[in-house]
Amino acid sequence: MIEDILSLGNKIEMREILHTMNEEKQKSVPVYTSQILEFDEEYEGVLNIAMPILEGKLIPLEVGRKFELFFYAKKGMYTCNGEIINRYKSSNVYVLVVSLLTDLKKYQRRQYFRLGTNIEIQYKLFTQEDEAYFRRVGEVPDEIIKRPYSTGVSVDISGGGVKFISRDNMPKETKLLLLINLPFDNEIKKCEAISKVVFTGTVKGRRDSYENRVEFLQIKEEDRELLIKYIFKEERNQRKKKV
């Protein structure tokens, strides 16, 4: 049952499915924000959700429109396709009735949208002893926590990893503790992840600078959701600038 995965109040991101558009133009379709209000007691796979909001305005979506839905659930992020089959107003709340057309699927790392952005990345490299401790215990050693962070700058970022520029040459498979500083309006929110280097190379034209691509090995679900929320926000901002 979908109630085993989703809960009332879960945030939803909605991107309309327009089959007449190519993949590049599809990416520029607005992303609406909503949340789950109620599960239909009679029909499995039917949800009542809030009429979505875009830029602070209520968007009265019509019956028959189909969307790719992204759910921020306690167990992670899930996605499926859905269709609006009804809409109504109840106690001054505008409601959409959505039928899920496909099964819920966990949003896998390879599916994550990669956003080009330059934000501060802080990191601490694991020594061989640190890695041995991590493999044995599954936790970050106290010695790493006590060390100061080194600083780099991101090239792009996704819910599954980050590419960033650093002064350190990090061999493939190197483990590191990452701290990503996400700018939200006038506030910086921090996202922490234990990561692994999957690629490293020198930066053309920049002496003693290295480009490192890392994937997340361990990250709290709330930190990943925060990261994806930031990516959605910045993706929308970048689209606005292109208009």
C-alpha atoms as a PDB file:
ATOM      1  CA  MET A   1       0.000   0.000   0.000  1.00  0.00           C
ATOM      2  CA  ILE A   2       1.204   3.492  -0.778  1.00  0.00           C
ATOM      3  CA  GLU A   3       0.482   4.489   2.841  1.00  0.00           C
ATOM      4  CA  ASP A   4       3.416   2.265   3.812  1.00  0.00           C
ATOM      5  CA  ILE A   5       5.682   4.707   1.943  1.00  0.00           C
ATOM      6  CA  LEU A   6       3.874   8.045   1.864  1.00  0.00           C
ATOM      7  CA  SER A   7       2.352  10.028   4.730  1.00  0.00           C
ATOM      8  CA  LEU A   8      -0.078  12.901   5.118  1.00  0.00           C
ATOM      9  CA  GLY A   9       1.751  16.195   4.778  1.00  0.00           C
ATOM     10  CA  ASN A  10       4.542  14.833   2.547  1.00  0.00           C
ATOM     11  CA  LYS A  11       5.827  17.542   0.215  1.00  0.00           C
ATOM     12  CA  ILE A  12       5.338  16.973  -3.532  1.00  0.00           C
ATOM     13  CA  GLU A  13       7.150  18.461  -6.527  1.00  0.00           C
ATOM     14  CA  MET A  14       5.128  18.283  -9.778  1.00  0.00           C
ATOM     15  CA  ARG A  15       6.538  18.555 -13.311  1.00  0.00           C
ATOM     16  CA  GLU A  16       4.017  18.336 -16.159  1.00  0.00           C
ATOM     17  CA  ILE A  17       4.522  15.619 -18.771  1.00  0.00           C
ATOM     18  CA  LEU A  18       4.292  17.097 -22.276  1.00  0.00           C
ATOM     19  CA  HIS A  19       4.990  14.425 -24.884  1.00  0.00           C
ATOM     20  CA  THR A  20       5.108  16.927 -27.755  1.00  0.00           C
ATOM     21  CA  MET A  21       8.217  18.581 -26.313  1.00  0.00           C
ATOM     22  CA  ASN A  22      11.772  17.325 -26.690  1.00  0.00           C
ATOM     23  CA  GLU A  23      13.787  16.392 -23.610  1.00  0.00           C
ATOM     24  CA  GLU A  24      15.650  19.709 -23.449  1.00  0.00           C
ATOM     25  CA  LYS A  25      12.455  21.796 -23.539  1.00  0.00           C
ATOM     26  CA  GLN A  26      10.799  19.422 -21.060  1.00  0.00           C
ATOM     27  CA  LYS A  27      13.418  20.447 -18.485  1.00  0.00           C
ATOM     28  CA  SER A  28      12.183  24.059 -18.673  1.00  0.00           C
ATOM     29  CA  VAL A  29       8.600  23.135 -17.664  1.00  0.00           C
ATOM     30  CA  PRO A  30       7.627  24.777 -14.337  1.00  0.00           C
ATOM     31  CA  VAL A  31       7.919  22.712 -11.156  1.00  0.00           C
ATOM     32  CA  TYR A  32       4.944  23.136  -8.830  1.00  0.00           C
ATOM     33  CA  THR A  33       4.898  22.535  -5.071  1.00  0.00           C
ATOM     34  CA  SER A  34       2.113  20.704  -3.234  1.00  0.00           C
ATOM     35  CA  GLN A  35       1.534  18.277  -0.341  1.00  0.00           C
ATOM     36  CA  ILE A  36      -0.561  15.209   0.455  1.00  0.00           C
ATOM     37  CA  LEU A  37      -3.842  16.051   2.213  1.00  0.00           C
ATOM     38  CA  GLU A  38      -5.650  12.696   2.225  1.00  0.00           C
ATOM     39  CA  PHE A  39      -5.568   9.136   0.906  1.00  0.00           C
ATOM     40  CA  ASP A  40      -8.722   7.947  -0.860  1.00  0.00           C
ATOM     41  CA  GLU A  41     -10.425   5.344   1.366  1.00  0.00           C
ATOM     42  CA  GLU A  42     -12.090   3.560  -1.556  1.00  0.00           C
ATOM     43  CA  TYR A  43      -9.503   3.562  -4.331  1.00  0.00           C
ATOM     44  CA  GLU A  44      -5.870   2.534  -3.896  1.00  0.00           C
ATOM     45  CA  GLY A  45      -3.448   4.896  -5.607  1.00  0.00           C
ATOM     46  CA  VAL A  46      -5.696   7.970  -5.455  1.00  0.00           C
ATOM     47  CA  LEU A  47      -4.564  11.002  -3.440  1.00  0.00           C
ATOM     48  CA  ASN A  48      -6.082  14.310  -2.471  1.00  0.00           C
ATOM     49  CA  ILE A  49      -3.373  16.947  -2.663  1.00  0.00           C
ATOM     50  CA  ALA A  50      -3.269  20.697  -2.181  1.00  0.00           C
ATOM     51  CA  MET A  51      -3.696  22.877  -5.247  1.00  0.00           C
ATOM     52  CA  PRO A  52      -0.059  23.676  -6.071  1.00  0.00           C
ATOM     53  CA  ILE A  53       1.736  26.952  -5.583  1.00  0.00           C
ATOM     54  CA  LEU A  54       4.295  28.607  -7.854  1.00  0.00           C
ATOM     55  CA  GLU A  55       6.083  31.808  -6.819  1.00  0.00           C
ATOM     56  CA  GLY A  56       3.597  32.262  -3.987  1.00  0.00           C
ATOM     57  CA  LYS A  57       0.545  32.034  -6.286  1.00  0.00           C
ATOM     58  CA  LEU A  58      -2.131  29.312  -6.336  1.00  0.00           C
ATOM     59  CA  ILE A  59      -2.118  27.459  -9.691  1.00  0.00           C
ATOM     60  CA  PRO A  60      -5.583  26.119 -10.686  1.00  0.00           C
ATOM     61  CA  LEU A  61      -4.511  23.041 -12.650  1.00  0.00           C
ATOM     62  CA  GLU A  62      -7.110  21.441 -14.909  1.00  0.00           C
ATOM     63  CA  VAL A  63      -8.493  17.899 -14.830  1.00  0.00           C
ATOM     64  CA  GLY A  64      -6.741  15.577 -17.290  1.00  0.00           C
ATOM     65  CA  ARG A  65      -3.229  17.006 -16.974  1.00  0.00           C
ATOM     66  CA  LYS A  66      -0.467  14.501 -16.272  1.00  0.00           C
ATOM     67  CA  PHE A  67       2.583  15.051 -14.103  1.00  0.00           C
ATOM     68  CA  GLU A  68       5.804  13.458 -12.969  1.00  0.00           C
ATOM     69  CA  LEU A  69       5.500  13.507  -9.186  1.00  0.00           C
ATOM     70  CA  PHE A  70       8.345  13.599  -6.647  1.00  0.00           C
ATOM     71  CA  PHE A  71       7.405  12.752  -3.051  1.00  0.00           C
ATOM     72  CA  TYR A  72       9.576  13.724  -0.057  1.00  0.00           C
ATOM     73  CA  ALA A  73       8.804  10.744   2.213  1.00  0.00           C
ATOM     74  CA  LYS A  74      10.368   9.668   5.515  1.00  0.00           C
ATOM     75  CA  LYS A  75      12.028   6.702   3.782  1.00  0.00           C
ATOM     76  CA  GLY A  76      13.546   8.883   1.073  1.00  0.00           C
ATOM     77  CA  MET A  77      12.446  10.428  -2.197  1.00  0.00           C
ATOM     78  CA  TYR A  78      10.009   8.567  -4.470  1.00  0.00           C
ATOM     79  CA  THR A  79       8.677   9.274  -7.939  1.00  0.00           C
ATOM     80  CA  CYS A  80       5.822   8.178 -10.217  1.00  0.00           C
ATOM     81  CA  ASN A  81       3.486   9.589 -12.861  1.00  0.00           C
ATOM     82  CA  GLY A  82       0.018  10.846 -11.981  1.00  0.00           C
ATOM     83  CA  GLU A  83      -3.083  12.374 -13.569  1.00  0.00           C
ATOM     84  CA  ILE A  84      -5.497  14.961 -12.162  1.00  0.00           C
ATOM     85  CA  ILE A  85      -8.954  13.324 -12.187  1.00  0.00           C
ATOM     86  CA  ASN A  86     -10.936  15.863 -10.165  1.00  0.00           C
ATOM     87  CA  ARG A  87     -10.665  19.118  -8.269  1.00  0.00           C
ATOM     88  CA  TYR A  88     -12.822  20.833  -5.657  1.00  0.00           C
ATOM     89  CA  LYS A  89     -12.883  23.307  -2.789  1.00  0.00           C
ATOM     90  CA  SER A  90     -13.437  22.251   0.824  1.00  0.00           C
ATOM     91  CA  SER A  91     -13.415  24.677   3.781  1.00  0.00           C
ATOM     92  CA  ASN A  92     -11.506  27.283   1.746  1.00  0.00           C
ATOM     93  CA  VAL A  93      -8.907  24.683   0.721  1.00  0.00           C
ATOM     94  CA  TYR A  94      -8.486  23.995  -2.996  1.00  0.00           C
ATOM     95  CA  VAL A  95      -7.926  20.280  -3.593  1.00  0.00           C
ATOM     96  CA  LEU A  96      -6.729  18.189  -6.534  1.00  0.00           C
ATOM     97  CA  VAL A  97      -7.605  14.497  -6.788  1.00  0.00           C
ATOM     98  CA  VAL A  98      -4.665  12.681  -8.377  1.00  0.00           C
ATOM     99  CA  SER A  99      -4.583   9.088  -9.631  1.00  0.00           C
ATOM    100  CA  LEU A 100      -1.129   7.480  -9.612  1.00  0.00           C
ATOM    101  CA  LEU A 101      -0.538   5.984 -13.068  1.00  0.00           C
ATOM    102  CA  THR A 102       2.702   4.127 -12.312  1.00  0.00           C
ATOM    103  CA  ASP A 103       4.199   2.390  -9.280  1.00  0.00           C
ATOM    104  CA  LEU A 104       6.179   4.415  -6.767  1.00  0.00           C
ATOM    105  CA  LYS A 105       9.910   4.037  -7.313  1.00  0.00           C
ATOM    106  CA  LYS A 106      12.780   5.121  -5.093  1.00  0.00           C
ATOM    107  CA  TYR A 107      14.551   8.064  -6.707  1.00  0.00           C
ATOM    108  CA  GLN A 108      17.894   6.424  -7.519  1.00  0.00           C
ATOM    109  CA  ARG A 109      21.253   8.229  -7.543  1.00  0.00           C
ATOM    110  CA  ARG A 110      21.705   7.841 -11.278  1.00  0.00           C
ATOM    111  CA  GLN A 111      18.406   9.699 -11.796  1.00  0.00           C
ATOM    112  CA  TYR A 112      19.379  12.763  -9.809  1.00  0.00           C
ATOM    113  CA  PHE A 113      19.408  16.010 -11.726  1.00  0.00           C
ATOM    114  CA  ARG A 114      22.901  17.532 -11.661  1.00  0.00           C
ATOM    115  CA  LEU A 115      22.933  21.280 -11.079  1.00  0.00           C
ATOM    116  CA  GLY A 116      25.824  23.489 -12.123  1.00  0.00           C
ATOM    117  CA  THR A 117      26.522  25.765  -9.165  1.00  0.00           C
ATOM    118  CA  ASN A 118      29.476  27.303  -7.291  1.00  0.00           C
ATOM    119  CA  ILE A 119      29.099  26.939  -3.531  1.00  0.00           C
ATOM    120  CA  GLU A 120      31.574  26.329  -0.727  1.00  0.00           C
ATOM    121  CA  ILE A 121      32.567  22.720  -0.053  1.00  0.00           C
ATOM    122  CA  GLN A 122      34.427  21.808   3.142  1.00  0.00           C
ATOM    123  CA  TYR A 123      36.099  18.434   3.488  1.00  0.00           C
ATOM    124  CA  LYS A 124      38.344  16.258   5.645  1.00  0.00           C
ATOM    125  CA  LEU A 125      40.326  13.420   4.062  1.00  0.00           C
ATOM    126  CA  PHE A 126      40.389   9.973   5.642  1.00  0.00           C
ATOM    127  CA  THR A 127      43.786   8.445   6.429  1.00  0.00           C
ATOM    128  CA  GLN A 128      44.285   4.685   5.982  1.00  0.00           C
ATOM    129  CA  GLU A 129      43.696   4.274   9.725  1.00  0.00           C
ATOM    130  CA  ASP A 130      40.487   6.316   9.474  1.00  0.00           C
ATOM    131  CA  GLU A 131      39.227   4.142   6.612  1.00  0.00           C
ATOM    132  CA  ALA A 132      40.018   0.950   8.521  1.00  0.00           C
ATOM    133  CA  TYR A 133      38.091   2.277  11.518  1.00  0.00           C
ATOM    134  CA  PHE A 134      35.169   3.324   9.306  1.00  0.00           C
ATOM    135  CA  ARG A 135      34.957  -0.112   7.640  1.00  0.00           C
ATOM    136  CA  ARG A 136      35.075  -1.820  11.027  1.00  0.00           C
ATOM    137  CA  VAL A 137      32.727   0.423  13.010  1.00  0.00           C
ATOM    138  CA  GLY A 138      30.742   2.312  10.349  1.00  0.00           C
ATOM    139  CA  GLU A 139      31.258   5.665  12.043  1.00  0.00           C
ATOM    140  CA  VAL A 140      33.513   8.688  11.549  1.00  0.00           C
ATOM    141  CA  PRO A 141      36.584   8.471  13.843  1.00  0.00           C
ATOM    142  CA  ASP A 142      36.953  11.109  16.548  1.00  0.00           C
ATOM    143  CA  GLU A 143      40.346  12.021  15.062  1.00  0.00           C
ATOM    144  CA  ILE A 144      38.639  13.267  11.872  1.00  0.00           C
ATOM    145  CA  ILE A 145      36.049  15.291  13.761  1.00  0.00           C
ATOM    146  CA  LYS A 146      38.840  17.135  15.616  1.00  0.00           C
ATOM    147  CA  ARG A 147      40.730  18.106  12.437  1.00  0.00           C
ATOM    148  CA  PRO A 148      40.099  21.423  10.641  1.00  0.00           C
ATOM    149  CA  TYR A 149      38.277  21.450   7.303  1.00  0.00           C
ATOM    150  CA  SER A 150      39.921  22.166   3.966  1.00  0.00           C
ATOM    151  CA  THR A 151      37.899  24.259   1.524  1.00  0.00           C
ATOM    152  CA  GLY A 152      36.905  23.837  -2.120  1.00  0.00           C
ATOM    153  CA  VAL A 153      34.288  25.143  -4.564  1.00  0.00           C
ATOM    154  CA  SER A 154      31.619  23.045  -6.276  1.00  0.00           C
ATOM    155  CA  VAL A 155      31.297  22.739 -10.055  1.00  0.00           C
ATOM    156  CA  ASP A 156      28.033  20.829  -9.986  1.00  0.00           C
ATOM    157  CA  ILE A 157      25.968  18.996  -7.405  1.00  0.00           C
ATOM    158  CA  SER A 158      23.212  16.380  -7.219  1.00  0.00           C
ATOM    159  CA  GLY A 159      21.381  14.278  -4.666  1.00  0.00           C
ATOM    160  CA  GLY A 160      23.947  11.535  -5.180  1.00  0.00           C
ATOM    161  CA  GLY A 161      27.259  13.396  -5.206  1.00  0.00           C
ATOM    162  CA  VAL A 162      29.225  16.510  -6.064  1.00  0.00           C
ATOM    163  CA  LYS A 163      32.045  17.664  -8.346  1.00  0.00           C
ATOM    164  CA  PHE A 164      34.323  20.277  -6.795  1.00  0.00           C
ATOM    165  CA  ILE A 165      37.683  22.005  -7.193  1.00  0.00           C
ATOM    166  CA  SER A 166      40.309  21.627  -4.460  1.00  0.00           C
ATOM    167  CA  ARG A 167      43.992  22.141  -3.769  1.00  0.00           C
ATOM    168  CA  ASP A 168      44.338  18.507  -2.701  1.00  0.00           C
ATOM    169  CA  ASN A 169      45.024  15.741  -5.203  1.00  0.00           C
ATOM    170  CA  MET A 170      42.653  12.959  -4.127  1.00  0.00           C
ATOM    171  CA  PRO A 171      43.335   9.492  -5.569  1.00  0.00           C
ATOM    172  CA  LYS A 172      40.339   7.459  -6.705  1.00  0.00           C
ATOM    173  CA  GLU A 173      38.571   5.622  -3.838  1.00  0.00           C
ATOM    174  CA  THR A 174      39.745   8.184  -1.261  1.00  0.00           C
ATOM    175  CA  LYS A 175      37.145   8.625   1.488  1.00  0.00           C
ATOM    176  CA  LEU A 176      36.302  12.047   2.877  1.00  0.00           C
ATOM    177  CA  LEU A 177      33.865  13.801   5.155  1.00  0.00           C
ATOM    178  CA  LEU A 178      32.035  16.511   3.195  1.00  0.00           C
ATOM    179  CA  LEU A 179      30.241  19.548   4.529  1.00  0.00           C
ATOM    180  CA  ILE A 180      28.187  21.329   1.863  1.00  0.00           C
ATOM    181  CA  ASN A 181      27.084  24.885   2.634  1.00  0.00           C
ATOM    182  CA  LEU A 182      23.714  25.479   0.974  1.00  0.00           C
ATOM    183  CA  PRO A 183      22.564  29.125   0.650  1.00  0.00           C
ATOM    184  CA  PHE A 184      18.839  29.539   1.358  1.00  0.00           C
ATOM    185  CA  ASP A 185      17.865  33.222   1.149  1.00  0.00           C
ATOM    186  CA  ASN A 186      19.821  34.842   4.020  1.00  0.00           C
ATOM    187  CA  GLU A 187      20.650  31.562   5.744  1.00  0.00           C
ATOM    188  CA  ILE A 188      23.342  28.908   5.190  1.00  0.00           C
ATOM    189  CA  LYS A 189      22.194  25.329   5.837  1.00  0.00           C
ATOM    190  CA  LYS A 190      24.760  22.574   6.148  1.00  0.00           C
ATOM    191  CA  CYS A 191      24.552  19.121   4.597  1.00  0.00           C
ATOM    192  CA  GLU A 192      27.037  16.456   5.726  1.00  0.00           C
ATOM    193  CA  ALA A 193      28.001  13.265   3.881  1.00  0.00           C
ATOM    194  CA  ILE A 194      30.672  10.591   4.011  1.00  0.00           C
ATOM    195  CA  SER A 195      31.835  10.320   0.411  1.00  0.00           C
ATOM    196  CA  LYS A 196      34.150   8.486  -1.976  1.00  0.00           C
ATOM    197  CA  VAL A 197      36.244   9.918  -4.831  1.00  0.00           C
ATOM    198  CA  VAL A 198      35.271   8.316  -8.155  1.00  0.00           C
ATOM    199  CA  PHE A 199      37.344  10.598 -10.416  1.00  0.00           C
ATOM    200  CA  THR A 200      40.070  13.208 -10.038  1.00  0.00           C
ATOM    201  CA  GLY A 201      42.058  15.244 -12.548  1.00  0.00           C
ATOM    202  CA  THR A 202      43.993  18.481 -12.920  1.00  0.00           C
ATOM    203  CA  VAL A 203      42.172  21.677 -13.865  1.00  0.00           C
ATOM    204  CA  LYS A 204      43.324  22.994 -17.230  1.00  0.00           C
ATOM    205  CA  GLY A 205      45.081  26.337 -16.915  1.00  0.00           C
ATOM    206  CA  ARG A 206      45.013  26.313 -13.113  1.00  0.00           C
ATOM    207  CA  ARG A 207      48.197  25.281 -11.363  1.00  0.00           C
ATOM    208  CA  ASP A 208      47.854  23.051  -8.295  1.00  0.00           C
ATOM    209  CA  SER A 209      44.060  22.777  -8.656  1.00  0.00           C
ATOM    210  CA  TYR A 210      42.203  19.473  -8.971  1.00  0.00           C
ATOM    211  CA  GLU A 211      38.697  18.577 -10.059  1.00  0.00           C
ATOM    212  CA  ASN A 212      37.206  15.807  -7.938  1.00  0.00           C
ATOM    213  CA  ARG A 213      33.959  13.928  -8.488  1.00  0.00           C
ATOM    214  CA  VAL A 214      32.686  12.199  -5.363  1.00  0.00           C
ATOM    215  CA  GLU A 215      29.620  10.096  -4.593  1.00  0.00           C
ATOM    216  CA  PHE A 216      27.850   9.950  -1.253  1.00  0.00           C
ATOM    217  CA  LEU A 217      28.307   6.748   0.744  1.00  0.00           C
ATOM    218  CA  GLN A 218      26.400   7.820   3.851  1.00  0.00           C
ATOM    219  CA  ILE A 219      24.053  10.772   4.127  1.00  0.00           C
ATOM    220  CA  LYS A 220      21.052  11.385   6.370  1.00  0.00           C
ATOM    221  CA  GLU A 221      17.753  11.359   4.491  1.00  0.00           C
ATOM    222  CA  GLU A 222      16.894  14.823   5.844  1.00  0.00           C
ATOM    223  CA  ASP A 223      20.240  16.124   4.510  1.00  0.00           C
ATOM    224  CA  ARG A 224      19.625  14.563   1.083  1.00  0.00           C
ATOM    225  CA  GLU A 225      16.118  16.054   0.992  1.00  0.00           C
ATOM    226  CA  LEU A 226      17.570  19.442   1.946  1.00  0.00           C
ATOM    227  CA  LEU A 227      20.087  19.111  -0.877  1.00  0.00           C
ATOM    228  CA  ILE A 228      17.403  18.156  -3.414  1.00  0.00           C
ATOM    229  CA  LYS A 229      15.226  21.030  -2.206  1.00  0.00           C
ATOM    230  CA  TYR A 230      18.132  23.412  -2.849  1.00  0.00           C
ATOM    231  CA  ILE A 231      18.660  21.919  -6.327  1.00  0.00           C
ATOM    232  CA  PHE A 232      14.981  22.331  -7.248  1.00  0.00           C
ATOM    233  CA  LYS A 233      15.059  25.933  -5.986  1.00  0.00           C
ATOM    234  CA  GLU A 234      18.182  26.835  -7.941  1.00  0.00           C
ATOM    235  CA  GLU A 235      16.954  25.041 -11.068  1.00  0.00           C
ATOM    236  CA  ARG A 236      13.825  27.203 -11.017  1.00  0.00           C
ATOM    237  CA  ASN A 237      15.896  30.362 -10.442  1.00  0.00           C
ATOM    238  CA  GLN A 238      18.171  29.520 -13.360  1.00  0.00           C
ATOM    239  CA  ARG A 239      15.185  28.936 -15.658  1.00  0.00           C
ATOM    240  CA  LYS A 240      13.745  32.329 -14.709  1.00  0.00           C
ATOM    241  CA  LYS A 241      17.008  34.058 -15.660  1.00  0.00           C
ATOM    242  CA  LYS A 242      16.913  32.444 -19.128  1.00  0.00           C
ATOM    243  CA  VAL A 243      13.402  33.732 -19.878  1.00  0.00           C
END
